[in-house]
């Protein structure tokens, strides 16, 4: 009884502890992902989602270009996780469960992992699907969030430890057209997904 009471006091006193360590999370994973995401904001990147042939695995478009998914892909790569490979292998095994938005008849490792709906499918199948709420306390550093921008443009970003003025909301590292940025935009657009992903198991 006293232990539960003490734990409750700690959670209330230090909100960052609440949910900061998710069940099954590799030790230090969230902190490493946040560091990798923040490092992306130091790069000058022109927003360009053009189709390019890239190597496989660990392929990448030119470092001076990229879109929102490339922020996530490059951040995960710093942790030794290749989303290109993870998406491709999952699509090879279960192509029918992935979106058919692009009229493909088979997986394409050049582009599949750079599409938000495909990442959402991977995270839903191999990661943790978390609640979509309007409570900023439910979004912890290391979480992945997806949005729908302008009604039909899927978008993705990484939740980090930094907070908005007054500490009300966690900030997001994302690229919505101006290169990788750290911004207070969690609730600027309709949220379509909330995930945790530690690599394909």
C-alpha atoms as a PDB file:
ATOM      1  CA  UNK A   1       0.000   0.000   0.000  1.00  0.00           C
ATOM      2  CA  UNK A   2       2.712   2.442   0.980  1.00  0.00           C
ATOM      3  CA  UNK A   3       4.748   1.456  -2.072  1.00  0.00           C
ATOM      4  CA  UNK A   4       1.831   2.240  -4.400  1.00  0.00           C
ATOM      5  CA  UNK A   5       1.289   5.552  -2.645  1.00  0.00           C
ATOM      6  CA  UNK A   6       4.978   6.443  -3.002  1.00  0.00           C
ATOM      7  CA  UNK A   7       4.944   5.466  -6.680  1.00  0.00           C
ATOM      8  CA  UNK A   8       1.899   7.672  -7.262  1.00  0.00           C
ATOM      9  CA  UNK A   9       3.645  10.605  -5.575  1.00  0.00           C
ATOM     10  CA  UNK A  10       6.720  10.097  -7.760  1.00  0.00           C
ATOM     11  CA  UNK A  11       4.653   9.986 -10.950  1.00  0.00           C
ATOM     12  CA  UNK A  12       2.781  13.142  -9.995  1.00  0.00           C
ATOM     13  CA  UNK A  13       5.969  14.919  -8.968  1.00  0.00           C
ATOM     14  CA  UNK A  14       7.942  13.846 -12.027  1.00  0.00           C
ATOM     15  CA  UNK A  15       5.582  13.472 -15.010  1.00  0.00           C
ATOM     16  CA  UNK A  16       8.467  12.550 -17.307  1.00  0.00           C
ATOM     17  CA  UNK A  17       8.752   9.254 -15.416  1.00  0.00           C
ATOM     18  CA  UNK A  18       5.202   8.306 -16.321  1.00  0.00           C
ATOM     19  CA  UNK A  19       5.458   6.049 -19.354  1.00  0.00           C
ATOM     20  CA  UNK A  20       9.055   7.082 -20.013  1.00  0.00           C
ATOM     21  CA  UNK A  21      10.104   3.456 -19.919  1.00  0.00           C
ATOM     22  CA  UNK A  22       7.659   1.371 -21.945  1.00  0.00           C
ATOM     23  CA  UNK A  23       7.320  -2.349 -21.450  1.00  0.00           C
ATOM     24  CA  UNK A  24       9.806  -4.167 -23.674  1.00  0.00           C
ATOM     25  CA  UNK A  25      11.813  -1.056 -24.524  1.00  0.00           C
ATOM     26  CA  UNK A  26      15.545  -1.679 -24.964  1.00  0.00           C
ATOM     27  CA  UNK A  27      17.452   0.206 -22.281  1.00  0.00           C
ATOM     28  CA  UNK A  28      18.118   3.809 -23.263  1.00  0.00           C
ATOM     29  CA  UNK A  29      16.294   3.471 -26.597  1.00  0.00           C
ATOM     30  CA  UNK A  30      14.119   6.586 -26.291  1.00  0.00           C
ATOM     31  CA  UNK A  31      17.008   8.800 -25.237  1.00  0.00           C
ATOM     32  CA  UNK A  32      19.144   7.563 -28.141  1.00  0.00           C
ATOM     33  CA  UNK A  33      16.329   8.118 -30.635  1.00  0.00           C
ATOM     34  CA  UNK A  34      15.731  11.638 -29.327  1.00  0.00           C
ATOM     35  CA  UNK A  35      19.435  12.469 -29.622  1.00  0.00           C
ATOM     36  CA  UNK A  36      19.462  11.140 -33.188  1.00  0.00           C
ATOM     37  CA  UNK A  37      16.325  13.117 -34.079  1.00  0.00           C
ATOM     38  CA  UNK A  38      17.676  16.367 -32.646  1.00  0.00           C
ATOM     39  CA  UNK A  39      20.899  15.836 -34.577  1.00  0.00           C
ATOM     40  CA  UNK A  40      18.858  15.835 -37.788  1.00  0.00           C
ATOM     41  CA  UNK A  41      17.875  19.468 -37.130  1.00  0.00           C
ATOM     42  CA  UNK A  42      21.505  20.477 -37.690  1.00  0.00           C
ATOM     43  CA  UNK A  43      21.370  19.446 -41.350  1.00  0.00           C
ATOM     44  CA  UNK A  44      20.365  21.604 -44.292  1.00  0.00           C
ATOM     45  CA  UNK A  45      17.859  19.535 -46.256  1.00  0.00           C
ATOM     46  CA  UNK A  46      15.793  20.540 -49.275  1.00  0.00           C
ATOM     47  CA  UNK A  47      12.333  19.002 -49.249  1.00  0.00           C
ATOM     48  CA  UNK A  48      12.255  16.578 -52.153  1.00  0.00           C
ATOM     49  CA  UNK A  49      10.311  13.338 -52.345  1.00  0.00           C
ATOM     50  CA  UNK A  50      11.337  12.405 -55.879  1.00  0.00           C
ATOM     51  CA  UNK A  51      11.576   8.724 -56.739  1.00  0.00           C
ATOM     52  CA  UNK A  52      15.204   7.612 -56.891  1.00  0.00           C
ATOM     53  CA  UNK A  53      16.902   4.253 -57.228  1.00  0.00           C
ATOM     54  CA  UNK A  54      18.882   3.635 -54.051  1.00  0.00           C
ATOM     55  CA  UNK A  55      20.958   0.784 -52.696  1.00  0.00           C
ATOM     56  CA  UNK A  56      19.505  -1.940 -50.480  1.00  0.00           C
ATOM     57  CA  UNK A  57      19.747  -2.429 -47.557  1.00  0.00           C
ATOM     58  CA  UNK A  58      20.639   0.835 -45.777  1.00  0.00           C
ATOM     59  CA  UNK A  59      19.943   2.846 -48.908  1.00  0.00           C
ATOM     60  CA  UNK A  60      19.387   6.582 -48.747  1.00  0.00           C
ATOM     61  CA  UNK A  61      18.621   9.484 -51.035  1.00  0.00           C
ATOM     62  CA  UNK A  62      21.241  12.276 -51.239  1.00  0.00           C
ATOM     63  CA  UNK A  63      21.862  13.655 -47.745  1.00  0.00           C
ATOM     64  CA  UNK A  64      20.938  17.200 -48.773  1.00  0.00           C
ATOM     65  CA  UNK A  65      17.406  16.125 -49.747  1.00  0.00           C
ATOM     66  CA  UNK A  66      14.548  14.403 -47.965  1.00  0.00           C
ATOM     67  CA  UNK A  67      10.990  14.464 -46.682  1.00  0.00           C
ATOM     68  CA  UNK A  68       9.298  13.820 -43.348  1.00  0.00           C
ATOM     69  CA  UNK A  69       9.877  10.073 -43.501  1.00  0.00           C
ATOM     70  CA  UNK A  70      13.593  10.576 -44.124  1.00  0.00           C
ATOM     71  CA  UNK A  71      13.922  12.301 -40.746  1.00  0.00           C
ATOM     72  CA  UNK A  72      12.576   9.146 -39.114  1.00  0.00           C
ATOM     73  CA  UNK A  73      14.569   6.786 -41.347  1.00  0.00           C
ATOM     74  CA  UNK A  74      17.855   8.587 -40.732  1.00  0.00           C
ATOM     75  CA  UNK A  75      17.224   8.868 -36.990  1.00  0.00           C
ATOM     76  CA  UNK A  76      16.553   5.143 -36.693  1.00  0.00           C
ATOM     77  CA  UNK A  77      19.609   4.356 -38.772  1.00  0.00           C
ATOM     78  CA  UNK A  78      21.739   5.959 -36.044  1.00  0.00           C
ATOM     79  CA  UNK A  79      20.408   3.248 -33.719  1.00  0.00           C
ATOM     80  CA  UNK A  80      21.295   0.492 -36.181  1.00  0.00           C
ATOM     81  CA  UNK A  81      17.701   0.014 -37.367  1.00  0.00           C
ATOM     82  CA  UNK A  82      17.118   0.018 -41.130  1.00  0.00           C
ATOM     83  CA  UNK A  83      13.499   0.942 -41.842  1.00  0.00           C
ATOM     84  CA  UNK A  84      14.065   0.331 -45.541  1.00  0.00           C
ATOM     85  CA  UNK A  85      14.855  -3.310 -44.789  1.00  0.00           C
ATOM     86  CA  UNK A  86      12.133  -3.673 -42.155  1.00  0.00           C
ATOM     87  CA  UNK A  87       9.413  -2.333 -44.456  1.00  0.00           C
ATOM     88  CA  UNK A  88      10.643  -4.315 -47.453  1.00  0.00           C
ATOM     89  CA  UNK A  89      10.809  -7.632 -45.613  1.00  0.00           C
ATOM     90  CA  UNK A  90       7.358  -7.118 -44.112  1.00  0.00           C
ATOM     91  CA  UNK A  91       5.942  -6.227 -47.525  1.00  0.00           C
ATOM     92  CA  UNK A  92       7.540  -9.279 -49.110  1.00  0.00           C
ATOM     93  CA  UNK A  93       5.845 -11.481 -46.523  1.00  0.00           C
ATOM     94  CA  UNK A  94       2.515  -9.633 -46.238  1.00  0.00           C
ATOM     95  CA  UNK A  95       2.121  -7.398 -49.278  1.00  0.00           C
ATOM     96  CA  UNK A  96      -1.673  -7.644 -49.138  1.00  0.00           C
ATOM     97  CA  UNK A  97      -1.938  -5.823 -45.776  1.00  0.00           C
ATOM     98  CA  UNK A  98      -0.120  -2.704 -46.983  1.00  0.00           C
ATOM     99  CA  UNK A  99      -1.893   0.267 -48.602  1.00  0.00           C
ATOM    100  CA  UNK A 100      -2.523   0.078 -52.348  1.00  0.00           C
ATOM    101  CA  UNK A 101      -2.476   3.866 -52.813  1.00  0.00           C
ATOM    102  CA  UNK A 102       0.254   3.747 -55.452  1.00  0.00           C
ATOM    103  CA  UNK A 103      -0.941   0.908 -57.648  1.00  0.00           C
ATOM    104  CA  UNK A 104       2.076  -1.303 -57.034  1.00  0.00           C
ATOM    105  CA  UNK A 105       1.930  -5.025 -57.733  1.00  0.00           C
ATOM    106  CA  UNK A 106       5.037  -5.855 -55.691  1.00  0.00           C
ATOM    107  CA  UNK A 107       7.308  -4.220 -53.082  1.00  0.00           C
ATOM    108  CA  UNK A 108       9.728  -1.526 -54.202  1.00  0.00           C
ATOM    109  CA  UNK A 109      12.633  -0.991 -51.746  1.00  0.00           C
ATOM    110  CA  UNK A 110      13.493   2.316 -53.421  1.00  0.00           C
ATOM    111  CA  UNK A 111      10.407   4.091 -52.139  1.00  0.00           C
ATOM    112  CA  UNK A 112       8.146   1.941 -49.923  1.00  0.00           C
ATOM    113  CA  UNK A 113       9.776   2.951 -46.622  1.00  0.00           C
ATOM    114  CA  UNK A 114       9.571   6.641 -47.550  1.00  0.00           C
ATOM    115  CA  UNK A 115       5.768   6.568 -47.553  1.00  0.00           C
ATOM    116  CA  UNK A 116       4.012   7.364 -44.275  1.00  0.00           C
ATOM    117  CA  UNK A 117       1.141   4.851 -44.680  1.00  0.00           C
ATOM    118  CA  UNK A 118       3.662   2.030 -45.153  1.00  0.00           C
ATOM    119  CA  UNK A 119       5.534   3.047 -42.000  1.00  0.00           C
ATOM    120  CA  UNK A 120       2.227   3.160 -40.138  1.00  0.00           C
ATOM    121  CA  UNK A 121       1.482  -0.389 -41.267  1.00  0.00           C
ATOM    122  CA  UNK A 122       4.920  -1.587 -40.179  1.00  0.00           C
ATOM    123  CA  UNK A 123       4.629   0.120 -36.777  1.00  0.00           C
ATOM    124  CA  UNK A 124       1.123  -1.288 -36.281  1.00  0.00           C
ATOM    125  CA  UNK A 125       2.277  -4.826 -37.042  1.00  0.00           C
ATOM    126  CA  UNK A 126       5.730  -4.880 -35.463  1.00  0.00           C
ATOM    127  CA  UNK A 127       5.642  -2.056 -32.917  1.00  0.00           C
ATOM    128  CA  UNK A 128       3.269  -0.679 -30.315  1.00  0.00           C
ATOM    129  CA  UNK A 129       0.077   1.174 -31.221  1.00  0.00           C
ATOM    130  CA  UNK A 130      -0.574   3.848 -28.595  1.00  0.00           C
ATOM    131  CA  UNK A 131      -3.720   5.896 -27.906  1.00  0.00           C
ATOM    132  CA  UNK A 132      -4.436   8.991 -29.969  1.00  0.00           C
ATOM    133  CA  UNK A 133      -5.571  11.617 -27.485  1.00  0.00           C
ATOM    134  CA  UNK A 134      -5.593  15.364 -26.990  1.00  0.00           C
ATOM    135  CA  UNK A 135      -3.673  15.066 -23.721  1.00  0.00           C
ATOM    136  CA  UNK A 136      -0.022  16.084 -24.201  1.00  0.00           C
ATOM    137  CA  UNK A 137       1.007  13.899 -21.248  1.00  0.00           C
ATOM    138  CA  UNK A 138       0.211  10.832 -23.353  1.00  0.00           C
ATOM    139  CA  UNK A 139       3.008  11.640 -25.819  1.00  0.00           C
ATOM    140  CA  UNK A 140       6.433  10.639 -24.549  1.00  0.00           C
ATOM    141  CA  UNK A 141       9.929  11.179 -25.884  1.00  0.00           C
ATOM    142  CA  UNK A 142      10.676   8.530 -28.481  1.00  0.00           C
ATOM    143  CA  UNK A 143       7.068   8.192 -29.641  1.00  0.00           C
ATOM    144  CA  UNK A 144       6.226   8.440 -33.327  1.00  0.00           C
ATOM    145  CA  UNK A 145       3.204  10.488 -34.386  1.00  0.00           C
ATOM    146  CA  UNK A 146       1.487  10.706 -37.763  1.00  0.00           C
ATOM    147  CA  UNK A 147      -0.863  13.419 -38.998  1.00  0.00           C
ATOM    148  CA  UNK A 148      -2.977  14.293 -42.005  1.00  0.00           C
ATOM    149  CA  UNK A 149      -2.012  17.716 -43.331  1.00  0.00           C
ATOM    150  CA  UNK A 150      -4.274  19.776 -45.594  1.00  0.00           C
ATOM    151  CA  UNK A 151      -6.787  16.945 -45.667  1.00  0.00           C
ATOM    152  CA  UNK A 152      -4.785  14.458 -47.730  1.00  0.00           C
ATOM    153  CA  UNK A 153      -1.048  14.700 -47.014  1.00  0.00           C
ATOM    154  CA  UNK A 154       0.282  12.079 -44.556  1.00  0.00           C
ATOM    155  CA  UNK A 155       3.000  13.373 -42.245  1.00  0.00           C
ATOM    156  CA  UNK A 156       5.235  11.894 -39.517  1.00  0.00           C
ATOM    157  CA  UNK A 157       7.495  13.148 -36.739  1.00  0.00           C
ATOM    158  CA  UNK A 158       9.332  12.108 -33.574  1.00  0.00           C
ATOM    159  CA  UNK A 159       8.368  13.272 -30.075  1.00  0.00           C
ATOM    160  CA  UNK A 160      11.358  14.587 -28.104  1.00  0.00           C
ATOM    161  CA  UNK A 161      12.009  15.623 -24.494  1.00  0.00           C
ATOM    162  CA  UNK A 162      11.998  19.383 -25.079  1.00  0.00           C
ATOM    163  CA  UNK A 163       8.775  21.192 -24.184  1.00  0.00           C
ATOM    164  CA  UNK A 164       6.773  24.129 -25.455  1.00  0.00           C
ATOM    165  CA  UNK A 165       6.812  27.409 -23.493  1.00  0.00           C
ATOM    166  CA  UNK A 166       5.358  26.703 -20.072  1.00  0.00           C
ATOM    167  CA  UNK A 167       6.041  22.997 -20.504  1.00  0.00           C
ATOM    168  CA  UNK A 168       2.569  22.322 -21.886  1.00  0.00           C
ATOM    169  CA  UNK A 169       3.440  20.120 -24.874  1.00  0.00           C
ATOM    170  CA  UNK A 170       6.361  17.992 -26.048  1.00  0.00           C
ATOM    171  CA  UNK A 171       8.109  19.311 -29.125  1.00  0.00           C
ATOM    172  CA  UNK A 172       8.356  17.405 -32.402  1.00  0.00           C
ATOM    173  CA  UNK A 173      11.262  16.873 -34.800  1.00  0.00           C
ATOM    174  CA  UNK A 174       9.857  16.719 -38.324  1.00  0.00           C
ATOM    175  CA  UNK A 175      10.225  18.031 -41.865  1.00  0.00           C
ATOM    176  CA  UNK A 176       7.083  19.572 -43.251  1.00  0.00           C
ATOM    177  CA  UNK A 177       8.830  21.399 -46.074  1.00  0.00           C
ATOM    178  CA  UNK A 178      11.520  23.548 -44.477  1.00  0.00           C
ATOM    179  CA  UNK A 179      13.989  20.820 -43.590  1.00  0.00           C
ATOM    180  CA  UNK A 180      14.247  19.027 -40.233  1.00  0.00           C
ATOM    181  CA  UNK A 181      12.953  21.325 -37.480  1.00  0.00           C
ATOM    182  CA  UNK A 182      12.213  21.206 -33.761  1.00  0.00           C
ATOM    183  CA  UNK A 183       8.734  22.675 -33.365  1.00  0.00           C
ATOM    184  CA  UNK A 184       5.680  22.957 -31.143  1.00  0.00           C
ATOM    185  CA  UNK A 185       3.141  21.401 -33.526  1.00  0.00           C
ATOM    186  CA  UNK A 186       1.812  18.241 -31.876  1.00  0.00           C
ATOM    187  CA  UNK A 187      -1.824  19.325 -32.148  1.00  0.00           C
ATOM    188  CA  UNK A 188      -1.594  21.524 -35.252  1.00  0.00           C
ATOM    189  CA  UNK A 189      -3.062  18.833 -37.516  1.00  0.00           C
ATOM    190  CA  UNK A 190      -5.364  15.833 -37.059  1.00  0.00           C
ATOM    191  CA  UNK A 191      -3.378  12.974 -35.536  1.00  0.00           C
ATOM    192  CA  UNK A 192      -3.802   9.689 -37.426  1.00  0.00           C
ATOM    193  CA  UNK A 193      -1.427   7.467 -35.475  1.00  0.00           C
ATOM    194  CA  UNK A 194       0.722   7.167 -32.350  1.00  0.00           C
ATOM    195  CA  UNK A 195       3.384   4.470 -32.128  1.00  0.00           C
ATOM    196  CA  UNK A 196       6.503   3.050 -30.556  1.00  0.00           C
ATOM    197  CA  UNK A 197       8.941   1.043 -32.664  1.00  0.00           C
ATOM    198  CA  UNK A 198      12.091  -0.720 -31.469  1.00  0.00           C
ATOM    199  CA  UNK A 199      12.991  -2.524 -34.670  1.00  0.00           C
ATOM    200  CA  UNK A 200      11.557  -5.503 -36.465  1.00  0.00           C
ATOM    201  CA  UNK A 201      11.301  -8.529 -34.171  1.00  0.00           C
END
